[in-house]
Protein backbone atom coordinates (compact mmCIF):
# COMPACT_ATOMS: atom_id res chain seq x y z
CA MET A 1 13.96 21.02 23.20
CA ILE A 2 10.84 18.87 22.77
CA ALA A 3 10.75 15.28 24.01
CA LYS A 4 10.03 12.47 21.57
CA PRO A 5 6.32 11.68 21.78
CA TYR A 6 5.67 8.90 24.29
CA ILE A 7 3.71 6.84 21.74
CA ARG A 8 6.64 6.91 19.30
CA PHE A 9 9.07 5.87 22.03
CA LEU A 10 6.74 3.10 23.21
CA MET A 11 6.08 1.80 19.71
CA GLY A 12 9.81 1.85 18.94
CA GLU A 13 10.45 -0.33 21.98
CA ILE A 14 7.65 -2.76 21.09
CA LEU A 15 8.57 -3.06 17.40
CA LYS A 16 12.35 -3.23 17.68
CA ASN A 17 14.06 -6.49 16.78
CA ARG A 18 10.78 -8.21 15.98
CA ASN A 19 8.57 -8.86 12.99
CA TYR A 20 5.86 -6.70 14.58
CA TYR A 21 3.66 -4.20 12.76
CA TYR A 22 0.95 -1.89 14.04
CA ARG A 23 -2.33 -0.33 12.95
CA VAL A 24 -4.21 2.62 14.50
CA GLU A 25 -7.98 2.21 14.64
CA CYS A 26 -10.91 4.08 16.16
CA TYR A 27 -14.24 2.27 16.21
CA GLY A 28 -13.60 0.66 12.83
CA ASP A 29 -12.01 3.72 11.21
CA ILE A 30 -8.45 2.86 10.16
CA GLY A 31 -6.25 5.87 10.96
CA VAL A 32 -2.96 4.20 10.04
CA GLU A 33 -2.78 1.12 7.85
CA LEU A 34 -0.56 -1.79 8.87
CA THR A 35 3.03 -0.52 9.05
CA ARG A 36 6.32 -0.44 10.95
CA ASP A 37 6.85 3.25 10.09
CA LEU A 38 7.08 5.09 13.41
CA SER A 39 6.63 8.47 11.73
CA GLU A 40 2.98 7.54 11.15
CA CYS A 41 2.06 6.75 14.77
CA ALA A 42 1.67 10.37 15.97
CA ASN A 43 2.50 14.00 15.35
CA GLN A 44 6.28 14.27 15.22
CA LYS A 45 6.88 18.00 15.23
CA ALA A 46 5.17 21.31 15.77
CA GLY A 47 2.82 21.95 12.88
CA ASP A 48 1.83 18.32 12.29
CA LYS A 49 -1.93 18.04 12.36
CA TYR A 50 -3.93 15.00 13.33
CA LYS A 51 -1.48 12.26 12.45
CA GLY A 52 -1.78 8.72 13.85
CA VAL A 53 -3.12 8.68 17.41
CA ASN A 54 -3.39 12.47 17.36
CA ALA A 55 -6.28 12.20 14.89
CA TYR A 56 -8.57 10.84 17.63
CA ASP A 57 -9.62 11.62 21.17
CA GLU A 58 -9.33 7.90 21.90
CA CYS A 59 -8.13 5.00 19.76
CA LYS A 60 -6.53 1.59 19.83
CA VAL A 61 -3.15 0.66 18.42
CA TYR A 62 -3.18 -3.00 17.43
CA ILE A 63 0.11 -4.91 17.32
CA TYR A 64 0.56 -7.75 14.83
CA ASP A 65 3.25 -10.43 14.69
CA MET A 66 3.65 -10.90 10.97
CA SER A 67 5.70 -14.05 11.46
CA LEU A 68 2.34 -15.62 12.39
CA HIS A 69 0.69 -14.39 9.18
CA ASP A 70 1.21 -16.64 6.18
CA GLY A 71 -0.89 -14.62 3.74
CA HIS A 72 -3.79 -17.07 3.84
CA ARG A 73 -4.93 -16.49 7.41
CA ASN A 74 -7.11 -13.66 8.62
CA LEU A 75 -4.87 -10.77 9.69
CA ASP A 76 -6.67 -10.58 13.04
CA GLU A 77 -5.25 -14.01 13.90
CA SER A 78 -1.80 -12.39 13.88
CA CYS A 79 -2.85 -9.70 16.40
CA ILE A 80 -0.89 -10.17 19.62
CA GLY A 81 -2.32 -7.25 21.55
CA PHE A 82 -3.39 -3.63 21.70
CA LEU A 83 -2.65 -0.30 23.33
CA GLY A 84 -5.57 1.89 24.37
CA TRP A 85 -4.67 5.55 23.79
CA THR A 86 -6.37 8.77 24.85
CA ASN A 87 -5.39 12.35 24.12
CA TRP A 88 -7.35 13.63 27.13
CA ASN A 89 -4.43 12.88 29.49
CA ASP A 90 -0.75 13.92 29.62
CA GLY A 91 2.55 12.03 29.36
CA VAL A 92 2.49 8.31 30.11
CA GLU A 93 -1.11 8.66 31.30
CA LYS A 94 -2.20 8.81 27.65
CA LEU A 95 -1.81 5.04 27.60
CA TYR A 96 -5.02 4.04 29.38
CA ASP A 97 -5.10 0.31 28.67
CA TYR A 98 -3.07 -2.49 27.08
CA SER A 99 -3.38 -6.22 26.60
CA ILE A 100 -1.68 -8.55 29.05
CA ASP A 101 0.56 -9.96 26.30
CA LEU A 102 2.27 -6.56 26.02
CA GLU A 103 2.49 -5.86 29.77
CA LYS A 104 6.20 -6.57 30.21
CA GLN A 105 7.19 -4.50 27.17
CA VAL A 106 4.90 -1.59 28.15
CA LYS A 107 6.15 -1.45 31.74
CA THR A 108 9.81 -1.64 30.71
CA ALA A 109 9.41 1.03 28.01
CA SER A 110 7.42 3.34 30.32
CA LYS A 111 10.07 3.22 33.04
CA LYS A 112 12.80 3.85 30.48
CA TYR A 113 10.88 6.80 29.00
CA GLU A 114 10.21 8.36 32.41
CA ARG A 115 13.92 8.16 33.26
CA GLN A 116 14.81 9.97 30.03
CA VAL A 117 12.19 12.70 30.22
CA GLU A 118 11.87 15.10 33.10
CA PHE A 119 8.24 15.94 33.66
CA ILE A 120 7.37 19.39 34.99
């Protein structure tokens, strides 16, 4: 049995019950366009190659509150925070940084994930 990727679990917790969307970006390169589709955030199964955050050594996942976006404003004004992601580490250590606005959600989701997954 393979555990659900941490990034997918974390994004699911952040996006649930909200009008939040995300985008994966690496130094201006858009890896995943604005979406709520969790299947795009990372490799989901053996054989997937370079999907979402797995396409980069390091990247940022930007979170947008689309209830703040009225179609006329710059999309960046709807950005409520980011997750810094690296594929150099393992488990929850892949999340190397996050904005303060997401701190409560990140800490709650991380504790929940660690309780569900036994690390060897």
